[in-house]
């Protein structure tokens, strides 16, 4: 069995490996935007800080239109205690080659040992 002290050390080790930064927002509603002349979402911040963003290499696939695309599922890891939901918007702070400006949480991993929170995120 893992002691409370060991678990805290494991969580600190996870954070030490997080060299990226993200901002996670949750849709809070909508509002009218005069400039766009449209109803647009309103976002509330959920988390801002250290993260680890991994963009696994995907096998290119051919779409129905004949376009060759590479699946863009980013695995985003944030410190334990962050509670993202499916549909939350994730912005990777700073340019990362191959990572879109925003990705959306598609699934949150249930970890056996709660040392960090990992999410599968994809572009819309």
N, C-alpha and C. Protein backbone atom coordinates (compact mmCIF):
# COMPACT_ATOMS: atom_id res chain seq x y z
N UNK A 1 0.83 -1.18 0.00
CA UNK A 1 0.00 0.00 0.00
C UNK A 1 0.88 1.25 0.00
N UNK A 2 0.45 2.25 -0.75
CA UNK A 2 1.20 3.49 -0.86
C UNK A 2 0.82 4.40 0.30
N UNK A 3 1.84 4.97 0.94
CA UNK A 3 1.57 5.89 2.05
C UNK A 3 1.22 7.27 1.50
N UNK A 4 0.66 8.12 2.34
CA UNK A 4 0.29 9.48 1.93
C UNK A 4 1.53 10.26 1.49
N UNK A 5 2.63 10.06 2.18
CA UNK A 5 3.88 10.74 1.83
C UNK A 5 4.40 10.30 0.47
N UNK A 6 4.33 9.00 0.20
CA UNK A 6 4.77 8.48 -1.10
C UNK A 6 3.88 9.02 -2.23
N UNK A 7 2.59 9.09 -1.97
CA UNK A 7 1.67 9.61 -2.98
C UNK A 7 1.97 11.08 -3.28
N UNK A 8 2.24 11.87 -2.27
CA UNK A 8 2.60 13.27 -2.48
C UNK A 8 3.88 13.40 -3.28
N UNK A 9 4.87 12.53 -3.01
CA UNK A 9 6.13 12.54 -3.78
C UNK A 9 5.86 12.18 -5.24
N UNK A 10 5.00 11.19 -5.47
CA UNK A 10 4.66 10.80 -6.84
C UNK A 10 3.96 11.94 -7.58
N UNK A 11 3.09 12.64 -6.90
CA UNK A 11 2.41 13.78 -7.52
C UNK A 11 3.40 14.90 -7.85
N UNK A 12 4.34 15.14 -6.95
CA UNK A 12 5.37 16.16 -7.20
C UNK A 12 6.25 15.75 -8.38
N UNK A 13 6.56 14.46 -8.50
CA UNK A 13 7.34 13.97 -9.64
C UNK A 13 6.59 14.20 -10.95
N UNK A 14 5.27 13.99 -10.95
CA UNK A 14 4.47 14.22 -12.16
C UNK A 14 4.55 15.69 -12.57
N UNK A 15 4.38 16.60 -11.61
CA UNK A 15 4.42 18.03 -11.92
C UNK A 15 5.80 18.42 -12.44
N UNK A 16 6.85 17.82 -11.90
CA UNK A 16 8.21 18.12 -12.35
C UNK A 16 8.42 17.75 -13.81
N UNK A 17 7.61 16.85 -14.34
CA UNK A 17 7.73 16.42 -15.73
C UNK A 17 6.82 17.22 -16.67
N UNK A 18 6.16 18.22 -16.16
CA UNK A 18 5.22 19.01 -16.97
C UNK A 18 5.91 20.29 -17.45
N UNK A 19 6.35 20.27 -18.71
CA UNK A 19 7.10 21.39 -19.28
C UNK A 19 6.25 22.31 -20.14
N UNK A 20 5.00 21.96 -20.33
CA UNK A 20 4.09 22.79 -21.11
C UNK A 20 3.17 23.54 -20.15
N UNK A 21 2.33 24.40 -20.71
CA UNK A 21 1.32 25.11 -19.91
C UNK A 21 0.03 25.14 -20.72
N UNK A 22 -1.09 25.01 -20.01
CA UNK A 22 -2.40 25.03 -20.66
C UNK A 22 -3.36 25.90 -19.87
N UNK A 23 -4.42 26.30 -20.56
CA UNK A 23 -5.56 26.95 -19.92
C UNK A 23 -6.77 26.11 -20.29
N UNK A 24 -7.51 25.66 -19.27
CA UNK A 24 -8.72 24.87 -19.51
C UNK A 24 -9.92 25.74 -19.16
N UNK A 25 -10.85 25.85 -20.11
CA UNK A 25 -12.07 26.63 -19.91
C UNK A 25 -13.28 25.74 -20.07
N UNK A 26 -14.36 26.09 -19.36
CA UNK A 26 -15.62 25.36 -19.44
C UNK A 26 -16.70 26.31 -19.94
N UNK A 27 -17.52 25.83 -20.87
CA UNK A 27 -18.60 26.65 -21.41
C UNK A 27 -19.59 26.99 -20.30
N UNK A 28 -19.83 28.28 -20.11
CA UNK A 28 -20.70 28.73 -19.04
C UNK A 28 -22.05 29.22 -19.56
N UNK A 29 -22.14 29.40 -20.84
CA UNK A 29 -23.37 29.92 -21.43
C UNK A 29 -23.07 30.55 -22.77
N UNK A 30 -23.92 31.47 -23.16
CA UNK A 30 -23.72 32.19 -24.43
C UNK A 30 -24.06 33.65 -24.22
N UNK A 31 -23.58 34.47 -25.15
CA UNK A 31 -23.93 35.89 -25.15
C UNK A 31 -23.93 36.40 -26.59
N UNK A 32 -24.60 37.52 -26.80
CA UNK A 32 -24.67 38.13 -28.13
C UNK A 32 -23.41 38.96 -28.36
N UNK A 33 -22.73 38.73 -29.46
CA UNK A 33 -21.54 39.48 -29.83
C UNK A 33 -21.93 40.46 -30.94
N UNK A 34 -21.91 41.75 -30.62
CA UNK A 34 -22.29 42.78 -31.61
C UNK A 34 -21.38 42.77 -32.82
N UNK A 35 -20.08 42.59 -32.57
CA UNK A 35 -19.12 42.63 -33.68
C UNK A 35 -19.33 41.47 -34.66
N UNK A 36 -19.57 40.28 -34.12
CA UNK A 36 -19.79 39.10 -34.97
C UNK A 36 -21.25 38.97 -35.41
N UNK A 37 -22.13 39.70 -34.74
CA UNK A 37 -23.57 39.60 -35.00
C UNK A 37 -24.03 38.14 -34.88
N UNK A 38 -23.62 37.53 -33.79
CA UNK A 38 -23.96 36.13 -33.55
C UNK A 38 -23.93 35.84 -32.05
N UNK A 39 -24.60 34.77 -31.68
CA UNK A 39 -24.53 34.28 -30.31
C UNK A 39 -23.27 33.43 -30.20
N UNK A 40 -22.42 33.76 -29.23
CA UNK A 40 -21.14 33.07 -29.06
C UNK A 40 -21.05 32.51 -27.64
N UNK A 41 -20.24 31.46 -27.45
CA UNK A 41 -20.11 30.88 -26.11
C UNK A 41 -19.39 31.80 -25.14
N UNK A 42 -19.72 31.66 -23.87
CA UNK A 42 -19.01 32.32 -22.77
C UNK A 42 -18.25 31.22 -22.04
N UNK A 43 -16.98 31.47 -21.75
CA UNK A 43 -16.13 30.46 -21.13
C UNK A 43 -15.67 30.91 -19.76
N UNK A 44 -15.67 30.00 -18.79
CA UNK A 44 -15.13 30.24 -17.45
C UNK A 44 -13.87 29.41 -17.28
N UNK A 45 -12.81 29.99 -16.67
CA UNK A 45 -11.58 29.23 -16.46
C UNK A 45 -11.77 28.13 -15.42
N UNK A 46 -11.18 26.97 -15.70
CA UNK A 46 -11.21 25.83 -14.80
C UNK A 46 -9.81 25.60 -14.22
N UNK A 47 -8.78 25.75 -15.07
CA UNK A 47 -7.40 25.51 -14.66
C UNK A 47 -6.46 26.29 -15.57
N UNK A 48 -5.39 26.78 -15.01
CA UNK A 48 -4.34 27.44 -15.78
C UNK A 48 -3.02 27.10 -15.11
N UNK A 49 -2.12 26.48 -15.87
CA UNK A 49 -0.83 26.15 -15.27
C UNK A 49 -0.10 25.05 -15.99
N UNK A 50 0.75 24.37 -15.25
CA UNK A 50 1.64 23.35 -15.80
C UNK A 50 0.88 22.18 -16.40
N UNK A 51 1.45 21.62 -17.46
CA UNK A 51 0.84 20.47 -18.13
C UNK A 51 1.91 19.75 -18.95
N UNK A 52 1.55 18.57 -19.40
CA UNK A 52 2.38 17.82 -20.35
C UNK A 52 1.47 17.52 -21.53
N UNK A 53 1.88 17.95 -22.72
CA UNK A 53 1.08 17.75 -23.93
C UNK A 53 1.85 16.83 -24.86
N UNK A 54 1.24 15.70 -25.18
CA UNK A 54 1.85 14.74 -26.10
C UNK A 54 0.94 14.58 -27.30
N UNK A 55 1.50 14.70 -28.47
CA UNK A 55 0.75 14.52 -29.70
C UNK A 55 1.27 13.26 -30.38
N UNK A 56 0.64 12.11 -30.07
CA UNK A 56 1.12 10.86 -30.67
C UNK A 56 1.02 10.92 -32.19
N UNK A 57 1.95 10.25 -32.83
CA UNK A 57 1.93 10.19 -34.28
C UNK A 57 0.77 9.32 -34.72
N UNK A 58 -0.07 9.87 -35.53
CA UNK A 58 -1.21 9.12 -36.03
C UNK A 58 -0.93 8.59 -37.42
N UNK A 59 -1.59 7.50 -37.75
CA UNK A 59 -1.48 6.95 -39.09
C UNK A 59 -2.40 7.76 -40.00
N UNK A 60 -1.87 8.29 -41.11
CA UNK A 60 -2.74 9.06 -42.01
C UNK A 60 -3.91 8.21 -42.50
N UNK A 61 -5.07 8.87 -42.62
CA UNK A 61 -6.25 8.20 -43.14
C UNK A 61 -6.82 9.02 -44.29
N UNK A 62 -7.57 8.36 -45.16
CA UNK A 62 -8.22 9.04 -46.27
C UNK A 62 -9.67 9.27 -45.89
N UNK A 63 -10.10 10.54 -45.98
CA UNK A 63 -11.48 10.88 -45.65
C UNK A 63 -12.39 10.52 -46.82
N UNK A 64 -13.71 10.64 -46.60
CA UNK A 64 -14.69 10.33 -47.64
C UNK A 64 -14.49 11.23 -48.87
N UNK A 65 -13.95 12.44 -48.65
CA UNK A 65 -13.72 13.36 -49.77
C UNK A 65 -12.40 13.09 -50.49
N UNK A 66 -11.64 12.12 -50.00
CA UNK A 66 -10.37 11.78 -50.63
C UNK A 66 -9.18 12.53 -50.05
N UNK A 67 -9.42 13.32 -49.01
CA UNK A 67 -8.35 14.09 -48.39
C UNK A 67 -7.54 13.20 -47.44
N UNK A 68 -6.22 13.33 -47.48
CA UNK A 68 -5.34 12.58 -46.58
C UNK A 68 -5.14 13.41 -45.32
N UNK A 69 -5.54 12.88 -44.15
CA UNK A 69 -5.41 13.60 -42.89
C UNK A 69 -4.76 12.70 -41.84
N UNK A 70 -4.15 13.35 -40.86
CA UNK A 70 -3.56 12.63 -39.72
C UNK A 70 -4.42 12.92 -38.51
N UNK A 71 -4.92 11.90 -37.81
CA UNK A 71 -5.72 12.14 -36.62
C UNK A 71 -4.96 13.00 -35.61
N UNK A 72 -5.65 13.94 -35.01
CA UNK A 72 -5.04 14.87 -34.06
C UNK A 72 -5.64 14.68 -32.67
N UNK A 73 -5.18 13.67 -31.97
CA UNK A 73 -5.61 13.47 -30.59
C UNK A 73 -4.42 13.76 -29.70
N UNK A 74 -4.54 14.79 -28.91
CA UNK A 74 -3.46 15.15 -27.99
C UNK A 74 -3.77 14.54 -26.62
N UNK A 75 -2.75 14.00 -25.98
CA UNK A 75 -2.88 13.53 -24.61
C UNK A 75 -2.35 14.64 -23.71
N UNK A 76 -3.22 15.19 -22.88
CA UNK A 76 -2.86 16.31 -22.01
C UNK A 76 -2.91 15.83 -20.56
N UNK A 77 -1.82 16.04 -19.84
CA UNK A 77 -1.74 15.65 -18.43
C UNK A 77 -1.58 16.92 -17.59
N UNK A 78 -2.42 17.04 -16.56
CA UNK A 78 -2.37 18.18 -15.64
C UNK A 78 -2.24 17.64 -14.22
N UNK A 79 -1.85 18.49 -13.26
CA UNK A 79 -1.67 18.00 -11.89
C UNK A 79 -2.95 17.42 -11.29
N UNK A 80 -2.75 16.50 -10.35
CA UNK A 80 -3.86 15.91 -9.61
C UNK A 80 -4.67 17.01 -8.93
N UNK A 81 -5.97 16.83 -8.90
CA UNK A 81 -6.84 17.82 -8.28
C UNK A 81 -7.57 18.67 -9.31
N UNK A 82 -7.07 18.69 -10.54
CA UNK A 82 -7.76 19.39 -11.63
C UNK A 82 -8.90 18.49 -12.08
N UNK A 83 -10.08 19.06 -12.29
CA UNK A 83 -11.25 18.26 -12.61
C UNK A 83 -11.84 18.71 -13.96
N UNK A 84 -11.27 18.24 -15.06
CA UNK A 84 -11.82 18.59 -16.37
C UNK A 84 -13.04 17.73 -16.69
N UNK A 85 -13.89 18.25 -17.57
CA UNK A 85 -15.05 17.52 -18.06
C UNK A 85 -14.96 17.37 -19.57
N UNK A 86 -15.62 16.35 -20.09
CA UNK A 86 -15.72 16.20 -21.54
C UNK A 86 -16.38 17.46 -22.08
N UNK A 87 -15.81 18.04 -23.13
CA UNK A 87 -16.33 19.26 -23.73
C UNK A 87 -15.58 20.51 -23.31
N UNK A 88 -14.74 20.42 -22.27
CA UNK A 88 -13.95 21.58 -21.87
C UNK A 88 -12.97 21.93 -23.00
N UNK A 89 -12.64 23.21 -23.09
CA UNK A 89 -11.73 23.72 -24.12
C UNK A 89 -10.34 23.84 -23.50
N UNK A 90 -9.32 23.35 -24.21
CA UNK A 90 -7.94 23.39 -23.73
C UNK A 90 -7.10 24.20 -24.71
N UNK A 91 -6.44 25.22 -24.21
CA UNK A 91 -5.52 25.99 -25.03
C UNK A 91 -4.11 25.72 -24.56
N UNK A 92 -3.25 25.29 -25.48
CA UNK A 92 -1.84 25.08 -25.15
C UNK A 92 -1.16 26.43 -25.25
N UNK A 93 -0.53 26.87 -24.16
CA UNK A 93 0.11 28.17 -24.11
C UNK A 93 1.46 28.07 -24.82
N UNK A 94 1.68 28.96 -25.75
CA UNK A 94 2.91 28.94 -26.53
C UNK A 94 2.76 28.03 -27.74
N UNK A 95 3.47 28.34 -28.80
CA UNK A 95 3.33 27.54 -30.03
C UNK A 95 3.92 26.14 -29.87
N UNK A 96 3.19 25.17 -30.35
CA UNK A 96 3.65 23.78 -30.37
C UNK A 96 3.40 23.25 -31.77
N UNK A 97 4.44 22.88 -32.49
CA UNK A 97 4.24 22.36 -33.85
C UNK A 97 3.28 21.17 -33.85
N UNK A 98 2.29 21.23 -34.72
CA UNK A 98 1.35 20.13 -34.87
C UNK A 98 0.19 20.14 -33.91
N UNK A 99 0.17 21.06 -32.94
CA UNK A 99 -0.93 21.13 -31.99
C UNK A 99 -1.81 22.31 -32.37
N UNK A 100 -3.11 22.07 -32.59
CA UNK A 100 -4.00 23.18 -32.91
C UNK A 100 -4.08 24.16 -31.74
N UNK A 101 -4.55 25.39 -32.01
CA UNK A 101 -4.64 26.40 -30.95
C UNK A 101 -5.52 25.92 -29.81
N UNK A 102 -6.66 25.33 -30.14
CA UNK A 102 -7.56 24.80 -29.12
C UNK A 102 -7.84 23.33 -29.41
N UNK A 103 -7.93 22.53 -28.35
CA UNK A 103 -8.41 21.16 -28.44
C UNK A 103 -9.50 21.02 -27.38
N UNK A 104 -10.37 20.05 -27.57
CA UNK A 104 -11.48 19.85 -26.64
C UNK A 104 -11.35 18.49 -25.97
N UNK A 105 -11.65 18.44 -24.67
CA UNK A 105 -11.56 17.21 -23.90
C UNK A 105 -12.60 16.22 -24.44
N UNK A 106 -12.11 15.05 -24.85
CA UNK A 106 -12.99 14.00 -25.35
C UNK A 106 -13.17 12.88 -24.35
N UNK A 107 -12.17 12.67 -23.49
CA UNK A 107 -12.24 11.63 -22.47
C UNK A 107 -11.26 11.96 -21.35
N UNK A 108 -11.63 11.61 -20.13
CA UNK A 108 -10.76 11.80 -18.96
C UNK A 108 -10.43 10.42 -18.43
N UNK A 109 -9.14 10.15 -18.27
CA UNK A 109 -8.68 8.83 -17.83
C UNK A 109 -8.91 8.65 -16.33
N UNK A 110 -9.39 7.49 -15.96
CA UNK A 110 -9.53 7.12 -14.55
C UNK A 110 -8.27 6.37 -14.14
N UNK A 111 -7.41 7.00 -13.37
CA UNK A 111 -6.13 6.41 -12.99
C UNK A 111 -6.27 5.53 -11.75
N UNK A 112 -5.53 4.42 -11.75
CA UNK A 112 -5.53 3.52 -10.59
C UNK A 112 -4.84 4.19 -9.40
N UNK A 113 -3.76 4.92 -9.67
CA UNK A 113 -3.05 5.66 -8.63
C UNK A 113 -3.18 7.13 -9.00
N UNK A 114 -3.90 7.92 -8.20
CA UNK A 114 -4.20 9.31 -8.56
C UNK A 114 -3.01 10.25 -8.39
N UNK A 115 -2.12 10.26 -9.38
CA UNK A 115 -0.96 11.15 -9.31
C UNK A 115 -1.09 12.34 -10.25
N UNK A 116 -1.93 12.24 -11.26
CA UNK A 116 -2.15 13.32 -12.22
C UNK A 116 -3.46 13.03 -12.94
N UNK A 117 -3.92 13.98 -13.74
CA UNK A 117 -5.14 13.81 -14.51
C UNK A 117 -4.77 13.84 -15.99
N UNK A 118 -5.14 12.80 -16.72
CA UNK A 118 -4.80 12.71 -18.14
C UNK A 118 -6.07 12.71 -18.96
N UNK A 119 -6.03 13.48 -20.06
CA UNK A 119 -7.21 13.63 -20.93
C UNK A 119 -6.82 13.40 -22.38
N UNK A 120 -7.73 12.80 -23.11
CA UNK A 120 -7.59 12.70 -24.57
C UNK A 120 -8.34 13.88 -25.13
N UNK A 121 -7.66 14.69 -25.93
CA UNK A 121 -8.24 15.92 -26.47
C UNK A 121 -8.10 15.93 -27.98
N UNK A 122 -9.11 16.43 -28.66
CA UNK A 122 -9.06 16.49 -30.10
C UNK A 122 -9.57 17.82 -30.61
N UNK A 123 -9.18 18.13 -31.84
CA UNK A 123 -9.64 19.36 -32.48
C UNK A 123 -11.05 19.14 -33.02
N UNK A 124 -11.84 20.19 -33.04
CA UNK A 124 -13.18 20.09 -33.59
C UNK A 124 -13.16 20.36 -35.07
